[in-house]
Amino acid sequence: MFTGLVEARGSVIELVDDPPGRRLKVEVGGLWAAESSAGDSVAINGCCLSVVEIGESSLEFQAGPETLARTNLGQLTPGAPVNLERPLLATGRLGGHFVQGHIDSTARVVDVTRDGEWVTMWFEVPAALAVQLVPKGSVAVDGVSLTVVDVEANRFSVALIPHTLDLTTLGVRGAGGHVNIETDVLAKYVQKLVSGDQADQADSGGHCS
């Protein structure tokens, strides 16, 4: 479980085909590498991956075909920046929102409007995801916990402060770029409860087992 508060921005060192998936080698800095162990979870652009090898200042990960197809990790090239976050400690503060690291889909950046050092960014998403977004609700974009500003039938907007632009990949995203989207898990449960699937639950009489 993550919070969507990006800790650092790393960079892709190498991509190696590892059929049916791919290995990613990411520069993370010596401190991160020293504090990591094989099997640790790390969110890369919001996608939860497991550490498989540790270098002096790098970590390696394996991404399967489903991950490569559903996220923007399949579009990465050497030198590309990536957002990095380690899991939330049980004793830590929840400064963002609960982020699972399970990407729902990619979204296309359709508009970037600058107002001084601030940016309003619009993303085009599948309609099925748009219904899980509400103004003032939470969404993870490339692993960054953000507050939704406006929602339309197949797109939504966020306001980005200078700090977020400086620290994360969103500062280098332009129109036409693709980002990873994870909607709020609470929205998914609410949608499930109000869908037709609740009929089976009601017919069961509501007994606890």
Protein backbone atom coordinates (compact mmCIF):
# COMPACT_ATOMS: atom_id res chain seq x y z
CA MET A 1 0.00 0.00 0.00
CA PHE A 2 1.26 3.47 -0.95
CA THR A 3 0.17 7.05 -0.33
CA GLY A 4 0.84 8.74 -3.66
CA LEU A 5 3.46 11.00 -2.09
CA VAL A 6 6.39 10.53 -4.47
CA GLU A 7 9.70 10.29 -2.60
CA ALA A 8 12.08 10.75 -5.51
CA ARG A 9 12.39 10.90 -9.26
CA GLY A 10 14.68 8.22 -10.66
CA SER A 11 15.73 7.46 -14.22
CA VAL A 12 15.73 4.36 -16.39
CA ILE A 13 19.23 2.99 -16.95
CA GLU A 14 18.47 -0.06 -19.03
CA LEU A 15 15.60 -2.10 -20.43
CA VAL A 16 16.20 -5.76 -21.22
CA ASP A 17 13.73 -8.12 -22.85
CA ASP A 18 12.97 -11.01 -20.51
CA PRO A 19 10.23 -12.95 -22.34
CA PRO A 20 7.38 -12.74 -21.90
CA GLY A 21 8.17 -9.57 -19.92
CA ARG A 22 10.99 -7.09 -19.47
CA ARG A 23 13.56 -6.18 -16.84
CA LEU A 24 13.89 -2.54 -15.81
CA LYS A 25 17.06 -1.15 -14.26
CA VAL A 26 16.41 2.14 -12.50
CA GLU A 27 18.85 4.64 -10.99
CA VAL A 28 17.57 5.35 -7.48
CA GLY A 29 20.62 6.66 -5.63
CA GLY A 30 22.98 4.96 -3.19
CA LEU A 31 20.84 5.51 -0.08
CA TRP A 32 17.76 3.87 -1.59
CA ALA A 33 19.82 0.95 -2.89
CA ALA A 34 21.47 0.43 0.50
CA GLU A 35 18.10 0.38 2.27
CA SER A 36 16.48 -2.03 -0.19
CA SER A 37 16.18 -5.81 -0.13
CA ALA A 38 15.23 -8.29 -2.84
CA GLY A 39 11.46 -8.72 -2.84
CA ASP A 40 10.73 -5.19 -1.62
CA SER A 41 7.84 -3.40 -3.29
CA VAL A 42 8.43 -0.08 -5.04
CA ALA A 43 5.90 2.00 -6.96
CA ILE A 44 7.33 3.10 -10.31
CA ASN A 45 5.07 5.69 -11.91
CA GLY A 46 2.46 4.34 -9.51
CA CYS A 47 2.87 0.70 -10.58
CA CYS A 48 3.88 -1.70 -7.80
CA LEU A 49 6.88 -3.84 -8.77
CA SER A 50 9.19 -6.09 -6.77
CA VAL A 51 12.93 -5.58 -6.47
CA VAL A 52 14.80 -8.50 -8.06
CA GLU A 53 18.38 -7.20 -8.02
CA ILE A 54 20.25 -4.42 -6.24
CA GLY A 55 23.24 -2.43 -7.50
CA GLU A 56 25.33 0.29 -5.85
CA SER A 57 22.82 2.95 -6.79
CA SER A 58 20.25 1.06 -8.82
CA LEU A 59 17.38 -1.38 -8.48
CA GLU A 60 16.14 -3.91 -11.02
CA PHE A 61 12.56 -5.03 -11.53
CA GLN A 62 10.65 -7.48 -13.70
CA ALA A 63 7.49 -6.33 -15.48
CA GLY A 64 5.14 -8.90 -16.98
CA PRO A 65 3.19 -8.57 -20.25
CA GLU A 66 0.00 -7.43 -18.47
CA THR A 67 1.91 -4.66 -16.69
CA LEU A 68 3.63 -3.55 -19.89
CA ALA A 69 0.32 -3.47 -21.78
CA ARG A 70 -1.75 -1.71 -19.11
CA THR A 71 0.76 0.91 -17.96
CA ASN A 72 3.19 3.39 -19.46
CA LEU A 73 6.13 1.25 -18.31
CA GLY A 74 6.03 -0.44 -21.69
CA GLN A 75 6.79 2.92 -23.32
CA LEU A 76 9.85 3.72 -21.22
CA THR A 77 13.22 4.30 -22.84
CA PRO A 78 16.71 4.61 -21.31
CA GLY A 79 17.04 7.98 -19.59
CA ALA A 80 13.30 8.39 -19.02
CA PRO A 81 12.38 9.83 -15.59
CA VAL A 82 10.16 7.79 -13.28
CA ASN A 83 8.39 8.51 -10.00
CA LEU A 84 9.48 6.39 -7.04
CA GLU A 85 7.71 5.61 -3.80
CA ARG A 86 8.26 2.93 -1.16
CA PRO A 87 5.28 1.35 0.68
CA LEU A 88 3.61 3.07 3.59
CA LEU A 89 4.85 1.91 6.98
CA ALA A 90 2.15 0.87 9.45
CA THR A 91 3.45 3.61 11.75
CA GLY A 92 3.67 6.22 9.00
CA ARG A 93 1.45 9.20 8.28
CA LEU A 94 -1.07 9.02 5.47
CA GLY A 95 -0.42 12.31 3.75
CA GLY A 96 -2.01 11.47 0.40
CA HIS A 97 -4.60 8.71 -0.01
CA PHE A 98 -4.55 4.92 -0.10
CA VAL A 99 -2.88 3.90 -3.37
CA GLN A 100 -2.63 0.19 -4.14
CA GLY A 101 -0.12 0.37 -6.95
CA HIS A 102 -2.55 -1.45 -9.26
CA ILE A 103 -2.88 0.65 -12.40
CA ASP A 104 -6.34 0.76 -13.98
CA SER A 105 -5.36 2.25 -17.31
CA THR A 106 -3.23 4.84 -19.01
CA ALA A 107 -4.59 8.28 -19.83
CA ARG A 108 -3.53 10.74 -22.51
CA VAL A 109 -2.60 14.30 -21.60
CA VAL A 110 -4.90 16.46 -23.74
CA ASP A 111 -4.26 19.95 -22.39
CA VAL A 112 -1.63 21.73 -20.30
CA THR A 113 -2.47 25.29 -19.23
CA ARG A 114 0.13 27.30 -17.35
CA ASP A 115 -0.65 30.13 -14.96
CA GLY A 116 2.72 31.39 -13.78
CA GLU A 117 4.39 28.45 -12.00
CA TRP A 118 1.11 26.54 -11.64
CA VAL A 119 -0.38 24.13 -14.19
CA THR A 120 -3.86 22.81 -14.92
CA MET A 121 -3.65 19.49 -16.73
CA TRP A 122 -6.45 17.58 -18.45
CA PHE A 123 -6.37 13.83 -19.06
CA GLU A 124 -8.49 11.74 -21.41
CA VAL A 125 -9.63 8.47 -19.79
CA PRO A 126 -12.02 5.63 -20.68
CA ALA A 127 -15.60 6.47 -19.74
CA ALA A 128 -15.64 3.49 -17.38
CA LEU A 129 -12.95 5.19 -15.29
CA ALA A 130 -14.45 8.66 -15.51
CA VAL A 131 -17.48 7.49 -13.51
CA GLN A 132 -15.13 6.62 -10.63
CA LEU A 133 -13.88 10.22 -10.45
CA VAL A 134 -15.57 13.11 -8.66
CA PRO A 135 -14.56 16.75 -8.13
CA LYS A 136 -12.52 17.07 -4.91
CA GLY A 137 -11.97 13.29 -4.94
CA SER A 138 -8.60 11.57 -5.10
CA VAL A 139 -6.78 10.03 -8.04
CA ALA A 140 -3.22 8.75 -8.56
CA VAL A 141 -1.58 10.00 -11.75
CA ASP A 142 1.79 8.38 -12.46
CA GLY A 143 1.67 7.46 -8.77
CA VAL A 144 1.11 11.04 -7.61
CA SER A 145 -1.81 11.56 -5.22
CA LEU A 146 -3.87 14.43 -6.63
CA THR A 147 -7.22 16.09 -6.06
CA VAL A 148 -9.62 16.04 -9.00
CA VAL A 149 -10.77 19.49 -10.10
CA ASP A 150 -13.31 18.84 -12.87
CA VAL A 151 -14.75 15.68 -14.43
CA GLU A 152 -16.41 15.27 -17.83
CA ALA A 153 -17.67 12.22 -19.72
CA ASN A 154 -14.24 10.95 -20.67
CA ARG A 155 -11.73 13.33 -19.14
CA PHE A 156 -10.75 15.07 -15.92
CA SER A 157 -8.45 17.83 -14.71
CA VAL A 158 -6.06 18.44 -11.84
CA ALA A 159 -4.18 21.51 -10.58
CA LEU A 160 -0.44 21.03 -10.12
CA ILE A 161 1.60 23.12 -7.72
CA PRO A 162 5.24 24.03 -8.43
CA HIS A 163 6.53 21.50 -5.89
CA THR A 164 4.75 18.62 -7.65
CA LEU A 165 6.00 19.82 -11.04
CA ASP A 166 9.58 19.99 -9.77
CA LEU A 167 9.64 16.63 -7.98
CA THR A 168 7.62 14.35 -10.28
CA THR A 169 7.35 13.31 -13.90
CA LEU A 170 4.26 15.51 -14.29
CA GLY A 171 6.61 18.46 -14.66
CA VAL A 172 7.84 17.05 -17.98
CA ARG A 173 4.57 15.66 -19.32
CA GLY A 174 3.18 17.50 -22.32
CA ALA A 175 0.07 17.15 -24.47
CA GLY A 176 0.00 13.74 -26.12
CA GLY A 177 1.96 12.05 -23.33
CA HIS A 178 0.60 9.06 -21.45
CA VAL A 179 0.32 8.65 -17.69
CA ASN A 180 -0.75 5.82 -15.39
CA ILE A 181 -4.12 6.18 -13.67
CA GLU A 182 -5.35 4.51 -10.50
CA THR A 183 -8.74 5.63 -9.26
CA ASP A 184 -9.60 5.71 -5.58
CA VAL A 185 -10.27 2.18 -4.29
CA LEU A 186 -13.25 3.54 -2.30
CA ALA A 187 -14.88 4.63 -5.57
CA LYS A 188 -14.49 1.10 -6.92
CA TYR A 189 -16.20 -0.44 -3.91
CA VAL A 190 -19.05 2.08 -4.06
CA GLN A 191 -19.53 1.42 -7.76
CA LYS A 192 -19.61 -2.33 -7.07
CA LEU A 193 -22.22 -1.89 -4.33
CA VAL A 194 -24.55 0.24 -6.41
CA SER A 195 -24.26 -1.93 -9.52
CA GLY A 196 -26.50 -4.88 -10.34
CA ASP A 197 -24.15 -7.18 -8.42
CA GLN A 198 -25.74 -6.07 -5.16
CA ALA A 199 -28.92 -8.01 -6.01
CA ASP A 200 -27.22 -11.31 -5.20
CA GLN A 201 -26.13 -9.93 -1.84
CA ALA A 202 -29.64 -8.75 -1.02
CA ASP A 203 -31.15 -12.13 -1.94
CA SER A 204 -28.84 -13.85 0.52
CA GLY A 205 -30.71 -12.21 3.39
CA GLY A 206 -27.67 -10.31 4.66
CA HIS A 207 -26.50 -13.12 6.97
CA CYS A 208 -22.98 -13.03 8.37
CA SER A 209 -21.01 -16.24 7.91
